[in-house]
Amino acid sequence: MSPADRADDPAGSRPGRPVARAGSGPRGSQSGRRPGPPSGRPPAGAPPGAADATLGTAAAAGGPPDATPETANAARGSSGGTRGAAGGRPTKDELAAAADRTIPDLIAPGLDVLFVGINPGLWSAATGWHFARPGNRFWPALHRGGFTPRQLHPSEQDQLPGLGLGITNMVARASARADELTPAELVAGAEILTGKVAHYRPAWVAVVGVTAYRIGFARPKAGFGPQPETLAGARLWVLPNPSGLNAHFTPETLGAAFGELRAAVAG
């Protein structure tokens, strides 16, 4: 896997109130949810639904269990805890200790889009926040693409289910670089992901990294954008890796790529 396609992060959840949805428009008949892209989320202050409190290990043992936000919080505490928004940067020792750690999915039933990172980076594993490494451009791209009304900090990730969005990973274990993963891990991760999608039934699955998608799903010629196949009934989309090392995409072009997905979700 090339450095341009490494994952600087994903996976975890912290409590927070959903913010108002950005934009409006029809969702499409397949989901049966109310109009608005993304649509039909609970009102501010309402729980977004069952959160998955584990990643990878529990899923591999028999599929993703249902869990409440409280059990997700407990799982975060047992795997190292999350740092507050003003908690500072992880130390070198904390980052080193985060290798191979797993952190919770940010997931709920019936999402509009489930974003799929390659695997957690050490920064995410140390903090419990998806795409947490400074310089990763996932959160700016999410906002530029129109999915969030403002740019969220990784510590605010629990607002995503209220907007119809979630995050998981192809591979559960954290590593310093995505190219440390083996093809066998990506293939196994694709199988686990298929089970999660069948369980939670998002309308769209967006894999953030084309190389991981090609290897995991045996699609060597896959490109960016919509895919001809579906995944457990969900429509598939491949996005560029938002890592700061991916010099092929600027913040503007990443935002445009996310915006194309949002337009498809709205349509």
Protein backbone atom coordinates (compact mmCIF):
# COMPACT_ATOMS: atom_id res chain seq x y z
CA MET A 1 0.00 0.00 0.00
CA SER A 2 1.43 3.36 -0.99
CA PRO A 3 2.09 6.17 1.53
CA ALA A 4 -0.54 8.20 -0.31
CA ASP A 5 -3.16 5.65 0.69
CA ARG A 6 -2.29 5.26 4.39
CA ALA A 7 -4.92 5.93 7.05
CA ASP A 8 -4.08 8.48 9.66
CA ASP A 9 -7.21 7.36 11.48
CA PRO A 10 -10.67 6.19 12.68
CA ALA A 11 -13.01 4.60 15.44
CA GLY A 12 -14.54 5.69 18.80
CA SER A 13 -17.39 7.72 20.25
CA ARG A 14 -17.90 10.42 22.85
CA PRO A 15 -21.13 11.82 24.22
CA GLY A 16 -22.54 14.92 22.58
CA ARG A 17 -25.72 16.52 21.36
CA PRO A 18 -26.57 16.31 17.65
CA VAL A 19 -26.34 19.62 15.80
CA ALA A 20 -28.75 20.84 13.17
CA ARG A 21 -28.48 19.10 9.82
CA ALA A 22 -26.82 20.99 7.00
CA GLY A 23 -28.95 21.42 3.90
CA SER A 24 -32.14 19.70 2.82
CA GLY A 25 -33.53 17.57 0.04
CA PRO A 26 -35.08 14.16 -0.70
CA ARG A 27 -33.34 11.04 0.50
CA GLY A 28 -34.55 8.45 -1.97
CA SER A 29 -37.16 5.79 -1.49
CA GLN A 30 -34.92 2.90 -0.48
CA SER A 31 -34.41 3.97 3.13
CA GLY A 32 -37.92 5.10 4.00
CA ARG A 33 -36.49 7.94 6.11
CA ARG A 34 -37.75 11.49 6.14
CA PRO A 35 -36.56 13.95 3.47
CA GLY A 36 -33.33 15.86 3.92
CA PRO A 37 -29.69 14.91 3.23
CA PRO A 38 -28.72 13.14 5.40
CA SER A 39 -32.21 12.57 6.79
CA GLY A 40 -34.49 11.43 9.57
CA ARG A 41 -32.10 11.75 12.51
CA PRO A 42 -33.37 12.14 16.08
CA PRO A 43 -33.91 15.73 17.32
CA ALA A 44 -31.23 17.51 19.34
CA GLY A 45 -30.83 15.87 22.71
CA ALA A 46 -32.32 12.54 21.68
CA PRO A 47 -30.10 9.43 21.77
CA PRO A 48 -28.96 8.56 18.24
CA GLY A 49 -29.55 4.85 18.67
CA ALA A 50 -27.57 1.86 19.78
CA ALA A 51 -23.85 2.47 19.55
CA ASP A 52 -21.37 -0.29 18.86
CA ALA A 53 -19.10 -0.45 21.89
CA THR A 54 -16.45 -2.67 20.36
CA LEU A 55 -14.48 -2.86 17.13
CA GLY A 56 -12.98 -5.80 15.36
CA THR A 57 -12.55 -8.31 18.18
CA ALA A 58 -16.20 -8.55 19.14
CA ALA A 59 -17.31 -8.32 15.52
CA ALA A 60 -14.99 -11.13 14.52
CA ALA A 61 -16.39 -13.23 17.34
CA GLY A 62 -19.87 -13.15 15.88
CA GLY A 63 -20.90 -9.79 14.52
CA PRO A 64 -21.31 -6.33 16.04
CA PRO A 65 -23.37 -6.33 19.25
CA ASP A 66 -25.97 -3.73 20.06
CA ALA A 67 -24.85 -1.41 22.83
CA THR A 68 -25.97 1.80 24.46
CA PRO A 69 -23.87 4.99 24.49
CA GLU A 70 -23.16 4.23 28.15
CA THR A 71 -21.59 0.86 27.34
CA ALA A 72 -19.62 2.48 24.53
CA ASN A 73 -18.26 4.97 27.05
CA ALA A 74 -17.32 2.12 29.37
CA ALA A 75 -15.48 0.38 26.57
CA ARG A 76 -13.52 3.53 25.82
CA GLY A 77 -12.49 3.79 29.42
CA SER A 78 -11.27 0.20 29.50
CA SER A 79 -9.19 0.61 26.35
CA GLY A 80 -7.26 3.63 27.51
CA GLY A 81 -9.91 6.34 27.76
CA THR A 82 -10.39 9.46 25.69
CA ARG A 83 -8.65 12.76 26.15
CA GLY A 84 -10.71 15.91 26.60
CA ALA A 85 -10.78 18.50 23.83
CA ALA A 86 -8.29 20.54 25.85
CA GLY A 87 -6.41 17.47 27.06
CA GLY A 88 -3.35 18.12 24.91
CA ARG A 89 -1.36 15.93 22.56
CA PRO A 90 -0.64 12.28 23.33
CA THR A 91 2.91 11.72 24.51
CA LYS A 92 5.38 9.52 22.65
CA ASP A 93 4.87 6.83 25.26
CA GLU A 94 1.08 7.03 24.88
CA LEU A 95 1.36 6.75 21.11
CA ALA A 96 3.71 3.78 21.38
CA ALA A 97 1.34 2.08 23.82
CA ALA A 98 -1.54 2.56 21.38
CA ALA A 99 -0.12 0.15 18.78
CA ASP A 100 -2.50 -2.75 18.10
CA ARG A 101 -5.20 -1.19 20.27
CA THR A 102 -8.81 -1.36 19.07
CA ILE A 103 -11.33 1.39 19.64
CA PRO A 104 -15.13 1.52 19.28
CA ASP A 105 -17.03 2.07 16.08
CA LEU A 106 -19.20 5.14 15.82
CA ILE A 107 -22.27 3.40 14.46
CA ALA A 108 -26.04 3.17 14.79
CA PRO A 109 -28.85 1.47 12.86
CA GLY A 110 -30.14 3.03 9.64
CA LEU A 111 -27.41 5.60 8.99
CA ASP A 112 -27.35 7.53 5.74
CA VAL A 113 -23.58 7.02 5.31
CA LEU A 114 -21.15 4.73 7.12
CA PHE A 115 -17.60 5.95 6.46
CA VAL A 116 -14.95 3.22 6.51
CA GLY A 117 -11.35 4.12 7.29
CA ILE A 118 -8.46 1.75 6.67
CA ASN A 119 -7.44 1.26 10.32
CA PRO A 120 -6.93 3.47 13.37
CA GLY A 121 -3.69 5.41 13.51
CA LEU A 122 -1.84 5.64 16.80
CA TRP A 123 -3.19 9.12 17.50
CA SER A 124 -6.77 7.89 17.19
CA ALA A 125 -6.05 4.80 19.30
CA ALA A 126 -4.50 7.00 22.01
CA THR A 127 -7.41 9.48 22.09
CA GLY A 128 -10.38 7.30 21.12
CA TRP A 129 -11.30 9.74 18.33
CA HIS A 130 -11.66 8.88 14.65
CA PHE A 131 -9.28 10.63 12.24
CA ALA A 132 -7.73 12.42 15.21
CA ARG A 133 -4.19 13.03 13.98
CA PRO A 134 -3.50 16.73 13.30
CA GLY A 135 -3.13 17.16 9.58
CA ASN A 136 -5.70 14.52 8.71
CA ARG A 137 -8.27 16.19 6.49
CA PHE A 138 -11.34 14.03 7.10
CA TRP A 139 -13.19 16.52 9.30
CA PRO A 140 -12.53 19.54 7.02
CA ALA A 141 -13.59 17.47 3.98
CA LEU A 142 -16.75 16.35 5.76
CA HIS A 143 -17.67 19.99 6.30
CA ARG A 144 -16.58 21.19 2.85
CA GLY A 145 -18.65 18.40 1.33
CA GLY A 146 -21.77 19.63 3.12
CA PHE A 147 -22.24 16.79 5.60
CA THR A 148 -21.80 18.98 8.71
CA PRO A 149 -22.94 22.58 9.27
CA ARG A 150 -19.49 23.47 10.61
CA GLN A 151 -16.14 21.75 10.91
CA LEU A 152 -16.26 19.41 13.88
CA HIS A 153 -13.30 18.62 16.11
CA PRO A 154 -12.61 14.87 16.41
CA SER A 155 -13.72 15.09 20.05
CA GLU A 156 -17.20 16.06 18.79
CA GLN A 157 -17.59 12.89 16.77
CA ASP A 158 -20.66 11.77 18.74
CA GLN A 159 -22.63 14.43 16.88
CA LEU A 160 -22.32 12.42 13.66
CA PRO A 161 -25.05 9.79 14.28
CA GLY A 162 -27.50 12.65 14.79
CA LEU A 163 -26.59 13.74 11.26
CA GLY A 164 -27.05 10.24 9.87
CA LEU A 165 -23.32 9.50 9.71
CA GLY A 166 -21.02 6.89 11.27
CA ILE A 167 -17.43 5.66 11.16
CA THR A 168 -15.81 2.23 11.28
CA ASN A 169 -12.62 0.67 9.85
CA MET A 170 -11.59 -2.08 7.48
CA VAL A 171 -9.09 -3.36 10.07
CA ALA A 172 -9.56 -2.92 13.81
CA ARG A 173 -5.99 -2.82 15.11
CA ALA A 174 -4.12 0.45 15.29
CA SER A 175 -0.76 0.96 13.60
CA ALA A 176 1.60 3.80 12.83
CA ARG A 177 1.06 3.30 9.10
CA ALA A 178 -1.62 1.61 7.06
CA ASP A 179 1.05 -0.10 4.93
CA GLU A 180 1.87 -2.20 8.02
CA LEU A 181 -1.35 -4.13 7.36
CA THR A 182 -1.26 -7.37 5.41
CA PRO A 183 -3.56 -8.17 2.47
CA ALA A 184 -5.01 -10.99 4.56
CA GLU A 185 -6.02 -8.50 7.26
CA LEU A 186 -7.79 -6.32 4.70
CA VAL A 187 -9.65 -9.30 3.22
CA ALA A 188 -10.73 -10.46 6.68
CA GLY A 189 -11.70 -6.88 7.53
CA ALA A 190 -13.88 -6.66 4.43
CA GLU A 191 -15.77 -9.75 5.60
CA ILE A 192 -16.31 -8.26 9.06
CA LEU A 193 -17.44 -4.99 7.49
CA THR A 194 -19.98 -6.87 5.38
CA GLY A 195 -21.47 -8.33 8.57
CA LYS A 196 -21.70 -4.90 10.20
CA VAL A 197 -23.44 -3.44 7.17
CA ALA A 198 -25.92 -6.32 7.12
CA HIS A 199 -26.60 -5.74 10.83
CA TYR A 200 -26.87 -1.94 10.88
CA ARG A 201 -28.17 -1.41 7.32
CA PRO A 202 -26.79 2.00 6.33
CA ALA A 203 -28.01 3.37 3.01
CA TRP A 204 -24.44 4.07 1.80
CA VAL A 205 -20.99 2.74 2.68
CA ALA A 206 -18.10 5.06 1.83
CA VAL A 207 -14.63 3.47 1.95
CA VAL A 208 -11.99 6.12 2.59
CA GLY A 209 -9.02 4.72 0.65
CA VAL A 210 -9.09 3.13 -2.78
CA THR A 211 -6.15 0.75 -2.29
CA ALA A 212 -7.68 -0.79 0.84
CA TYR A 213 -10.95 -1.24 -1.05
CA ARG A 214 -9.23 -2.86 -4.03
CA ILE A 215 -7.38 -5.36 -1.84
CA GLY A 216 -10.10 -6.08 0.72
CA PHE A 217 -12.86 -6.61 -1.81
CA ALA A 218 -10.74 -8.06 -4.64
CA ARG A 219 -11.57 -5.16 -6.97
CA PRO A 220 -8.13 -4.38 -8.45
CA LYS A 221 -9.50 -1.92 -11.02
CA ALA A 222 -11.86 0.00 -8.73
CA GLY A 223 -11.69 3.77 -8.91
CA PHE A 224 -13.09 6.66 -6.90
CA GLY A 225 -16.78 7.40 -6.74
CA PRO A 226 -19.81 5.09 -6.92
CA GLN A 227 -19.19 1.37 -7.32
CA PRO A 228 -21.31 -0.93 -9.48
CA GLU A 229 -21.74 -3.51 -6.74
CA THR A 230 -23.56 -3.18 -3.42
CA LEU A 231 -22.50 -4.34 0.03
CA ALA A 232 -25.12 -6.26 2.01
CA GLY A 233 -27.79 -4.08 0.38
CA ALA A 234 -25.97 -0.77 0.88
CA ARG A 235 -24.70 1.32 -2.01
CA LEU A 236 -20.92 1.69 -2.21
CA TRP A 237 -18.72 4.73 -2.76
CA VAL A 238 -14.91 5.05 -2.65
CA LEU A 239 -13.38 8.30 -1.42
CA PRO A 240 -9.75 9.46 -1.42
CA ASN A 241 -7.73 8.89 1.73
CA PRO A 242 -7.77 12.18 3.70
CA SER A 243 -4.33 11.60 5.19
CA GLY A 244 -2.06 14.61 5.06
CA LEU A 245 0.43 12.39 3.22
CA ASN A 246 -1.95 12.02 0.28
CA ALA A 247 -0.51 14.77 -1.89
CA HIS A 248 -2.71 13.80 -4.83
CA PHE A 249 -5.62 15.64 -3.21
CA THR A 250 -5.82 19.15 -1.79
CA PRO A 251 -8.30 20.19 0.91
CA GLU A 252 -10.42 21.68 -1.86
CA THR A 253 -10.45 18.58 -4.07
CA LEU A 254 -11.09 16.34 -1.07
CA GLY A 255 -14.04 18.51 -0.12
CA ALA A 256 -15.35 18.27 -3.68
CA ALA A 257 -15.06 14.47 -3.60
CA PHE A 258 -17.04 14.35 -0.35
CA GLY A 259 -19.54 16.77 -1.88
CA GLU A 260 -20.17 14.38 -4.78
CA LEU A 261 -21.09 11.67 -2.31
CA ARG A 262 -23.39 14.00 -0.43
CA ALA A 263 -25.16 14.93 -3.65
CA ALA A 264 -25.69 11.23 -4.40
CA VAL A 265 -27.05 10.65 -0.88
CA ALA A 266 -29.40 13.61 -1.29
CA GLY A 267 -30.61 12.34 -4.66
